[in-house]
Amino acid sequence: MSDLRITKRISGFVIQDYANGRKQVRDLNHKKLTYTNKKDAKAAVKELMALELKGIVKLGHRHKFKDKFLEFGLDRMEIASNEDTALTKQGMRGYLSYSKNHIAKWFPDIYLDEVDGMVFDEFARTCIKNEVTWKTIKNIIRHIHTALRWFMEKKYHDNFASALNWKIHKQHHLKPKNSDEEKEKKTEVISPAEANMVLSYVEKHKNRSHKDALAYAIFTILALFGLRPSEIQGLHKSNFNLTARFMWVKGAYLVNEGGYRNRTKNDDSNRALDFTENQSKHIKWIMDYMSGYKKHNPYFLPASRIGRDGNHKPLAQYEMRKLIYRTYEAVGLAKLNWFNKSNTEQYEIIDCRFKDGPAKCWRHYNATMLIDNMYTLGLTPNYIKSRLGHSRWQTTQDRYGNHNMIGTDEMRLERADKVEKALGYNK
């Protein structure tokens, strides 16, 4: 369907089709349509749309989904070429792999204006029949969602509400039966004892090297605020107010969406987080160190080099994860195999309880501790969900309220004591 809009030009008023790259509408003889006044142009738009609906005329060009997804993948590759990690480039190449092996294969004749939840449902069914893993299907859908938002920015199509609202984790009728894939993965949560061990280690070694200073900064922010990794990357030095003792989360850094975006995951994720006078000492140390390290880089955790596009970058997520795993290894929470590939230090995880979410386990820890102690500390559900950047308390409860507090014997037995007191059965 066309998206006709009137534009004022020197020659008069013209009609542009925004669904076709803002191309000017022409008549049957390919002559550009120009009108001396806006009233006539509006009448022409009304007539053209009516004729198109009746199938008498076909305005513009309908974009095939597979073609535009390939264009999107190439655009992501161009962005990735300005990033400094091999992993980022590998991730971007995934778009091209999905385009070739899945999109072009199973979306051969689907147009952008036809992409909706029903198309996703059929696509998932087809993938399952062809023994594509559940994990791969989830990754493809996630990349398609990102692509759909890009299509809207490019004005290729203006409404993908049905497709964007289609969440694969809610499609219980599609999940494989009698397999590990039908079970939702439960994020491991770091225990209070493990958290203290990590924080003591990074505090002790923060002056040893630049990597140790970065590790100290990462774990401090994770422990105090439970931020998402993309939010940590998106932090600017200007987001901190040491005098008033608060930090403002205003944006996130997402490589697959072009880098830093001055908006959060949702409106409620844009939030101010307070910290105590004691905590401000830790943050001030980090701020002083990072300012001295890369004073012209605006990011809270600056990258060591300027990107290939000439812009300042934050510490890459791959480098962040590497520092997290290195710390886990140092305190006995992980076993890794380190090696060099293409002159880049890389690692293989031999054993780690947090391998599915090395930073996420701290967000879950932060949330779980708040929920677990909300009544004791007088915290409200609204405060907790706002601190975590959720729009609804139900989301906070569903995602973090069922950990049964951190599977250590110490905490398990402590909870049993609390239950005994609550029930009044202590004879």
Protein backbone atom coordinates (compact mmCIF):
# COMPACT_ATOMS: atom_id res chain seq x y z
CA MET A 1 0.00 0.00 0.00
CA SER A 2 1.27 3.43 -0.89
CA ASP A 3 1.93 6.23 1.58
CA LEU A 4 1.16 9.40 -0.37
CA ARG A 5 2.16 12.79 1.03
CA ILE A 6 2.04 16.31 -0.41
CA THR A 7 5.25 18.36 -0.65
CA LYS A 8 5.65 22.04 -1.55
CA ARG A 9 8.12 22.66 -4.38
CA ILE A 10 9.06 25.77 -6.38
CA SER A 11 7.08 24.42 -9.34
CA GLY A 12 4.02 23.78 -7.15
CA PHE A 13 2.67 20.96 -5.01
CA VAL A 14 3.84 17.42 -5.75
CA ILE A 15 2.81 14.00 -4.42
CA GLN A 16 5.46 11.68 -3.00
CA ASP A 17 5.10 7.98 -2.18
CA TYR A 18 6.91 7.43 1.16
CA ALA A 19 6.38 3.66 0.84
CA ASN A 20 8.62 3.79 -2.21
CA GLY A 21 11.56 5.82 -0.98
CA ARG A 22 9.70 9.19 -1.28
CA LYS A 23 9.54 8.87 -5.09
CA GLN A 24 7.34 11.41 -6.82
CA VAL A 25 4.10 9.98 -8.21
CA ARG A 26 3.75 10.05 -12.01
CA ASP A 27 0.79 9.60 -14.36
CA LEU A 28 0.34 6.70 -16.80
CA ASN A 29 2.63 8.49 -19.29
CA HIS A 30 5.36 8.66 -16.58
CA LYS A 31 4.95 12.43 -16.29
CA LYS A 32 5.45 13.91 -12.81
CA LEU A 33 2.24 15.20 -11.30
CA THR A 34 2.42 18.85 -10.20
CA TYR A 35 -0.45 20.99 -8.84
CA THR A 36 -0.70 24.75 -8.51
CA ASN A 37 -2.53 24.61 -5.18
CA LYS A 38 -2.72 22.24 -2.22
CA LYS A 39 -6.47 21.71 -2.54
CA ASP A 40 -6.07 20.13 -5.98
CA ALA A 41 -3.17 18.00 -4.71
CA LYS A 42 -5.29 16.71 -1.80
CA ALA A 43 -8.11 15.81 -4.23
CA ALA A 44 -5.62 13.97 -6.43
CA VAL A 45 -4.26 11.97 -3.46
CA LYS A 46 -7.80 10.97 -2.48
CA GLU A 47 -8.57 9.84 -6.03
CA LEU A 48 -5.29 7.94 -6.45
CA MET A 49 -5.75 6.07 -3.16
CA ALA A 50 -9.31 5.11 -4.13
CA LEU A 51 -8.11 3.80 -7.49
CA GLU A 52 -5.32 1.82 -5.83
CA LEU A 53 -7.72 0.21 -3.36
CA LYS A 54 -9.92 -0.88 -6.29
CA GLY A 55 -6.88 -2.33 -8.05
CA ILE A 56 -7.24 0.02 -11.01
CA VAL A 57 -3.78 1.53 -10.47
CA LYS A 58 -0.72 0.30 -8.62
CA LEU A 59 1.35 3.02 -7.06
CA GLY A 60 4.88 2.55 -5.98
CA HIS A 61 6.79 -0.68 -5.50
CA ARG A 62 6.13 -3.34 -2.90
CA HIS A 63 9.35 -4.36 -1.20
CA LYS A 64 10.10 -8.03 -0.82
CA PHE A 65 11.04 -8.90 2.73
CA LYS A 66 14.05 -11.04 1.79
CA ASP A 67 15.57 -8.23 -0.31
CA LYS A 68 15.19 -5.61 2.39
CA PHE A 69 16.50 -7.95 5.09
CA LEU A 70 19.65 -8.45 3.01
CA GLU A 71 19.96 -4.67 2.67
CA PHE A 72 19.59 -4.41 6.44
CA GLY A 73 22.30 -7.05 6.98
CA LEU A 74 24.72 -5.20 4.69
CA ASP A 75 24.01 -1.98 6.59
CA ARG A 76 24.80 -3.74 9.89
CA MET A 77 28.04 -5.02 8.37
CA GLU A 78 29.01 -1.47 7.48
CA ILE A 79 28.40 -0.41 11.09
CA ALA A 80 30.37 -3.39 12.39
CA SER A 81 33.37 -2.40 10.28
CA ASN A 82 33.73 0.63 12.56
CA GLU A 83 33.81 -1.49 15.72
CA ASP A 84 37.02 -2.87 17.14
CA THR A 85 36.21 -6.47 18.12
CA ALA A 86 36.24 -9.53 15.95
CA LEU A 87 33.21 -10.85 17.82
CA THR A 88 31.12 -7.87 16.75
CA LYS A 89 31.98 -8.47 13.10
CA GLN A 90 31.19 -12.15 13.50
CA GLY A 91 27.83 -11.27 15.00
CA MET A 92 27.01 -8.95 12.14
CA ARG A 93 27.91 -11.61 9.61
CA GLY A 94 25.19 -13.66 11.26
CA TYR A 95 22.65 -11.40 9.56
CA LEU A 96 23.96 -12.42 6.17
CA SER A 97 23.92 -16.08 7.17
CA TYR A 98 20.29 -15.83 8.32
CA SER A 99 19.43 -13.96 5.13
CA LYS A 100 20.88 -16.68 2.91
CA ASN A 101 19.98 -19.83 4.84
CA HIS A 102 16.59 -18.93 6.31
CA ILE A 103 15.00 -15.67 5.14
CA ALA A 104 15.52 -16.14 1.39
CA LYS A 105 14.65 -19.84 1.71
CA TRP A 106 11.41 -19.57 3.70
CA PHE A 107 10.29 -16.01 2.91
CA PRO A 108 10.68 -16.17 -0.89
CA ASP A 109 7.55 -14.25 -1.91
CA ILE A 110 6.60 -12.37 1.28
CA TYR A 111 6.29 -8.58 0.97
CA LEU A 112 6.99 -6.14 3.79
CA ASP A 113 3.32 -5.20 4.12
CA GLU A 114 2.49 -8.90 4.65
CA VAL A 115 4.85 -9.48 7.60
CA ASP A 116 2.77 -10.06 10.72
CA GLY A 117 2.41 -12.46 13.63
CA MET A 118 0.78 -15.15 11.45
CA VAL A 119 3.77 -15.08 9.08
CA PHE A 120 6.11 -15.54 12.07
CA ASP A 121 3.99 -18.43 13.32
CA GLU A 122 4.19 -20.20 9.97
CA PHE A 123 7.90 -19.45 9.69
CA ALA A 124 8.58 -21.03 13.11
CA ARG A 125 6.54 -24.11 12.15
CA THR A 126 8.52 -24.49 8.92
CA CYS A 127 11.82 -24.17 10.78
CA ILE A 128 10.79 -26.82 13.31
CA LYS A 129 9.77 -29.21 10.50
CA ASN A 130 13.21 -28.72 8.98
CA GLU A 131 14.92 -29.47 12.33
CA VAL A 132 16.16 -25.93 12.93
CA THR A 133 16.98 -25.63 16.65
CA TRP A 134 14.75 -23.63 18.96
CA LYS A 135 17.70 -21.40 19.86
CA THR A 136 18.35 -20.58 16.19
CA ILE A 137 14.67 -19.75 15.62
CA LYS A 138 14.72 -17.38 18.60
CA ASN A 139 17.86 -15.65 17.29
CA ILE A 140 16.39 -15.23 13.79
CA ILE A 141 13.16 -13.72 15.16
CA ARG A 142 15.17 -11.37 17.38
CA HIS A 143 17.18 -10.16 14.37
CA ILE A 144 14.00 -9.80 12.28
CA HIS A 145 12.45 -7.60 14.99
CA THR A 146 15.51 -5.34 14.86
CA ALA A 147 15.22 -5.25 11.06
CA LEU A 148 11.52 -4.31 11.20
CA ARG A 149 12.30 -1.27 13.35
CA TRP A 150 14.98 -0.31 10.83
CA PHE A 151 12.48 -0.65 7.97
CA MET A 152 10.15 1.78 9.73
CA GLU A 153 12.99 4.28 10.20
CA LYS A 154 13.71 3.99 6.46
CA LYS A 155 10.00 4.54 5.67
CA TYR A 156 9.78 1.21 3.80
CA HIS A 157 6.66 0.42 5.80
CA ASP A 158 5.02 2.17 8.73
CA ASN A 159 3.33 -0.52 10.81
CA PHE A 160 4.71 -3.84 12.04
CA ALA A 161 2.73 -3.89 15.29
CA SER A 162 1.47 -7.46 14.88
CA ALA A 163 4.94 -8.80 14.05
CA LEU A 164 6.72 -6.86 16.80
CA ASN A 165 4.18 -8.03 19.38
CA TRP A 166 4.76 -11.67 18.38
CA LYS A 167 7.03 -13.04 21.12
CA ILE A 168 8.40 -16.52 20.59
CA HIS A 169 8.61 -17.33 24.30
CA LYS A 170 4.80 -16.97 24.44
CA GLN A 171 4.19 -19.48 21.61
CA HIS A 172 3.84 -22.52 23.86
CA HIS A 173 2.15 -24.49 21.06
CA LEU A 174 5.37 -24.32 19.06
CA LYS A 175 7.88 -25.35 21.72
CA PRO A 176 9.46 -28.77 21.20
CA LYS A 177 8.02 -31.42 23.50
CA ASN A 178 10.02 -33.73 25.73
CA SER A 179 13.29 -31.93 25.24
CA ASP A 180 15.47 -29.55 27.19
CA GLU A 181 14.48 -26.78 24.78
CA GLU A 182 10.90 -26.70 26.04
CA LYS A 183 12.18 -25.69 29.47
CA GLU A 184 12.89 -22.03 30.03
CA LYS A 185 16.48 -21.43 31.09
CA LYS A 186 16.76 -20.15 34.61
CA THR A 187 19.40 -17.51 35.12
CA GLU A 188 21.87 -18.41 37.81
CA VAL A 189 22.10 -15.79 40.55
CA ILE A 190 25.33 -14.99 42.29
CA SER A 191 25.10 -15.53 46.05
CA PRO A 192 25.88 -12.84 48.65
CA ALA A 193 29.03 -14.72 49.70
CA GLU A 194 30.20 -15.00 46.07
CA ALA A 195 29.35 -11.34 45.42
CA ASN A 196 31.38 -10.22 48.44
CA MET A 197 34.29 -12.39 47.33
CA VAL A 198 34.29 -10.80 43.85
CA LEU A 199 33.91 -7.24 45.17
CA SER A 200 36.70 -7.72 47.72
CA TYR A 201 39.00 -9.04 45.00
CA VAL A 202 38.43 -6.16 42.53
CA GLU A 203 38.73 -3.59 45.35
CA LYS A 204 42.07 -5.06 46.42
CA HIS A 205 43.55 -5.13 42.90
CA LYS A 206 42.06 -2.00 41.32
CA ASN A 207 45.43 -0.19 41.28
CA ARG A 208 47.36 -3.10 39.77
CA SER A 209 46.63 -2.47 36.07
CA HIS A 210 44.20 -0.81 33.68
CA LYS A 211 42.29 -4.08 33.24
CA ASP A 212 41.91 -4.35 37.01
CA ALA A 213 40.61 -0.77 37.20
CA LEU A 214 38.05 -1.58 34.51
CA ALA A 215 36.99 -4.76 36.33
CA TYR A 216 36.54 -2.75 39.53
CA ALA A 217 34.37 -0.22 37.67
CA ILE A 218 32.23 -2.90 36.00
CA PHE A 219 31.53 -4.89 39.16
CA THR A 220 30.88 -1.72 41.19
CA ILE A 221 28.14 -0.62 38.78
CA LEU A 222 26.72 -4.14 38.52
CA ALA A 223 26.60 -4.57 42.30
CA LEU A 224 25.17 -1.14 43.12
CA PHE A 225 22.63 -0.75 40.33
CA GLY A 226 22.13 -4.02 38.48
CA LEU A 227 22.30 -2.31 35.09
CA ARG A 228 21.98 -4.09 31.77
CA PRO A 229 25.36 -4.41 29.94
CA SER A 230 24.11 -2.12 27.14
CA GLU A 231 23.16 0.48 29.77
CA ILE A 232 26.64 0.33 31.32
CA GLN A 233 28.14 0.88 27.87
CA GLY A 234 25.76 3.79 27.28
CA LEU A 235 26.73 5.60 30.49
CA HIS A 236 28.47 8.94 29.95
CA LYS A 237 30.61 10.69 32.52
CA SER A 238 28.02 13.47 32.50
CA ASN A 239 25.38 11.00 33.75
CA PHE A 240 26.92 11.13 37.24
CA ASN A 241 26.34 13.83 39.82
CA LEU A 242 28.64 13.20 42.75
CA THR A 243 27.43 16.24 44.70
CA ALA A 244 23.76 15.29 44.60
CA ARG A 245 24.72 11.58 44.68
CA PHE A 246 22.72 10.18 41.79
CA MET A 247 23.32 8.59 38.40
CA TRP A 248 21.01 9.05 35.42
CA VAL A 249 20.44 6.17 32.99
CA LYS A 250 19.48 7.92 29.75
CA GLY A 251 20.50 5.60 26.92
CA ALA A 252 22.08 2.37 25.80
CA TYR A 253 24.83 1.31 23.41
CA LEU A 254 23.58 -1.24 20.89
CA VAL A 255 25.94 -2.21 18.08
CA ASN A 256 23.21 -3.81 15.99
CA GLU A 257 21.20 -0.58 16.14
CA GLY A 258 24.00 1.73 15.13
CA GLY A 259 25.80 2.31 18.44
CA TYR A 260 24.68 4.73 21.14
CA ARG A 261 21.01 5.60 21.15
CA ASN A 262 19.76 8.43 23.33
CA ARG A 263 16.85 6.40 24.65
CA THR A 264 16.44 3.40 26.89
CA LYS A 265 14.70 0.06 26.39
CA ASN A 266 11.43 1.70 27.41
CA ASP A 267 10.32 4.99 28.97
CA ASP A 268 10.59 3.59 32.49
CA SER A 269 14.18 2.46 31.90
CA ASN A 270 15.11 6.15 31.74
CA ARG A 271 15.73 6.58 35.45
CA ALA A 272 17.75 8.25 38.19
CA LEU A 273 19.52 5.99 40.70
CA ASP A 274 20.67 7.30 44.05
CA PHE A 275 23.75 6.19 45.91
CA THR A 276 25.03 6.74 49.44
CA GLU A 277 27.94 8.86 50.58
CA ASN A 278 29.99 5.70 51.12
CA GLN A 279 29.16 4.40 47.64
CA SER A 280 30.02 7.76 46.10
CA LYS A 281 33.66 7.22 47.17
CA HIS A 282 33.86 4.16 44.92
CA ILE A 283 32.23 5.96 42.00
CA LYS A 284 34.47 9.02 42.44
CA TRP A 285 37.57 6.82 42.29
CA ILE A 286 36.33 5.34 39.03
CA MET A 287 35.45 8.76 37.60
CA ASP A 288 38.85 10.20 38.49
CA TYR A 289 40.66 7.23 37.00
CA MET A 290 38.70 7.15 33.75
CA SER A 291 38.93 10.91 33.27
CA GLY A 292 42.68 10.67 33.53
CA TYR A 293 42.79 7.65 31.22
CA LYS A 294 40.75 9.01 28.28
CA LYS A 295 39.65 12.51 29.24
CA HIS A 296 38.23 13.36 25.79
CA ASN A 297 36.14 10.19 25.58
CA PRO A 298 32.65 11.01 26.96
CA TYR A 299 31.81 7.44 27.97
CA PHE A 300 32.00 6.27 31.58
CA LEU A 301 33.97 3.21 30.44
CA PRO A 302 35.95 4.47 27.44
CA ALA A 303 37.44 2.21 24.80
CA SER A 304 41.21 2.30 24.43
CA ARG A 305 41.04 3.56 20.83
CA ILE A 306 38.88 5.78 18.65
CA GLY A 307 36.69 3.75 16.28
CA ARG A 308 37.43 3.43 12.59
CA ASP A 309 34.66 5.92 11.90
CA GLY A 310 36.57 8.52 13.94
CA ASN A 311 34.10 8.51 16.85
CA HIS A 312 34.71 7.72 20.50
CA LYS A 313 33.48 4.32 21.65
CA PRO A 314 32.69 2.70 24.99
CA LEU A 315 34.33 -0.49 26.15
CA ALA A 316 33.03 -3.29 23.89
CA GLN A 317 30.71 -5.88 25.43
CA TYR A 318 33.06 -8.67 24.44
CA GLU A 319 35.88 -6.96 26.35
CA MET A 320 33.54 -6.42 29.29
CA ARG A 321 32.63 -10.12 29.38
CA LYS A 322 36.29 -11.06 29.12
CA LEU A 323 37.12 -8.95 32.19
CA ILE A 324 34.18 -10.45 34.10
CA TYR A 325 35.21 -14.02 33.29
CA ARG A 326 38.86 -13.26 34.13
CA THR A 327 37.75 -12.08 37.57
CA TYR A 328 35.54 -15.12 38.07
CA GLU A 329 38.51 -17.30 37.22
CA ALA A 330 40.72 -15.44 39.71
CA VAL A 331 38.32 -16.07 42.62
CA GLY A 332 37.56 -19.65 41.66
CA LEU A 333 34.12 -19.17 40.09
CA ALA A 334 35.18 -20.15 36.58
CA LYS A 335 37.64 -22.35 34.71
CA LEU A 336 38.78 -20.98 31.33
CA ASN A 337 41.10 -21.85 28.51
CA TRP A 338 42.85 -18.75 27.13
CA PHE A 339 44.35 -18.64 23.64
CA ASN A 340 45.31 -16.25 20.85
CA LYS A 341 43.50 -16.15 17.53
CA SER A 342 44.17 -13.57 14.82
CA ASN A 343 46.34 -11.64 17.30
CA THR A 344 43.37 -11.36 19.65
CA GLU A 345 43.19 -12.83 23.14
CA GLN A 346 40.17 -15.11 23.35
CA TYR A 347 38.83 -17.64 25.80
CA GLU A 348 36.91 -20.87 26.02
CA ILE A 349 34.67 -21.54 29.02
CA ILE A 350 35.49 -24.89 30.57
CA ASP A 351 33.26 -24.46 33.61
CA CYS A 352 31.27 -21.51 34.97
CA ARG A 353 27.89 -21.40 36.65
CA PHE A 354 27.19 -17.99 35.11
CA LYS A 355 28.19 -18.74 31.51
CA ASP A 356 24.70 -17.91 30.20
CA GLY A 357 24.69 -14.51 31.87
CA PRO A 358 28.01 -13.41 33.42
CA ALA A 359 26.68 -9.88 33.98
CA LYS A 360 22.96 -10.74 34.09
CA CYS A 361 23.49 -12.77 37.28
CA TRP A 362 24.26 -9.47 39.07
CA ARG A 363 21.07 -7.83 37.81
CA HIS A 364 19.14 -10.84 39.09
CA TYR A 365 21.08 -10.66 42.36
CA ASN A 366 20.28 -6.96 42.73
CA ALA A 367 16.59 -7.50 42.02
CA THR A 368 16.29 -10.60 44.18
CA MET A 369 17.90 -8.94 47.20
CA LEU A 370 15.55 -5.94 46.88
CA ILE A 371 12.46 -8.13 46.58
CA ASP A 372 13.63 -10.44 49.38
CA ASN A 373 14.12 -7.55 51.80
CA MET A 374 11.42 -5.13 50.62
CA TYR A 375 9.23 -5.44 53.70
CA THR A 376 12.13 -5.44 56.14
CA LEU A 377 13.61 -2.30 54.56
CA GLY A 378 10.29 -0.61 53.86
CA LEU A 379 10.74 -0.59 50.07
CA THR A 380 7.70 -0.29 47.83
CA PRO A 381 7.02 -2.35 44.71
CA ASN A 382 6.94 0.87 42.69
CA TYR A 383 10.41 1.86 43.91
CA ILE A 384 11.89 -1.56 43.09
CA LYS A 385 10.41 -1.78 39.59
CA SER A 386 11.47 1.82 38.86
CA ARG A 387 15.01 1.16 40.06
CA LEU A 388 15.25 -1.82 37.70
CA GLY A 389 13.77 0.15 34.83
CA HIS A 390 10.54 -1.82 34.46
CA SER A 391 7.23 -0.33 33.46
CA ARG A 392 5.19 -2.82 35.52
CA TRP A 393 5.71 -4.43 38.93
CA GLN A 394 4.30 -7.66 37.46
CA THR A 395 7.30 -7.82 35.13
CA THR A 396 9.67 -7.49 38.08
CA GLN A 397 7.85 -10.19 40.00
CA ASP A 398 7.63 -12.61 37.09
CA ARG A 399 11.28 -12.23 36.12
CA TYR A 400 13.03 -11.94 39.46
CA GLY A 401 10.60 -12.92 42.18
CA ASN A 402 10.94 -16.67 41.86
CA HIS A 403 14.61 -17.33 42.50
CA ASN A 404 13.89 -18.70 45.98
CA MET A 405 16.83 -16.68 47.05
CA ILE A 406 20.10 -17.80 45.72
CA GLY A 407 20.88 -21.42 46.10
CA THR A 408 23.47 -21.50 48.84
CA ASP A 409 22.98 -23.64 51.94
CA GLU A 410 23.36 -20.58 54.14
CA MET A 411 20.56 -18.65 52.44
CA ARG A 412 18.37 -21.73 52.04
CA LEU A 413 18.47 -22.45 55.78
CA GLU A 414 18.03 -18.78 56.65
CA ARG A 415 14.87 -18.69 54.57
CA ALA A 416 13.62 -21.83 56.31
CA ASP A 417 14.03 -20.02 59.66
CA LYS A 418 12.02 -17.05 58.33
CA VAL A 419 9.24 -19.36 57.16
CA GLU A 420 9.15 -21.02 60.59
CA LYS A 421 8.77 -17.64 62.30
CA ALA A 422 6.11 -16.55 59.83
CA LEU A 423 4.08 -19.70 60.43
CA GLY A 424 4.57 -19.53 64.19
CA TYR A 425 5.57 -23.17 64.38
CA ASN A 426 8.75 -23.29 66.47
CA LYS A 427 7.86 -25.83 69.16
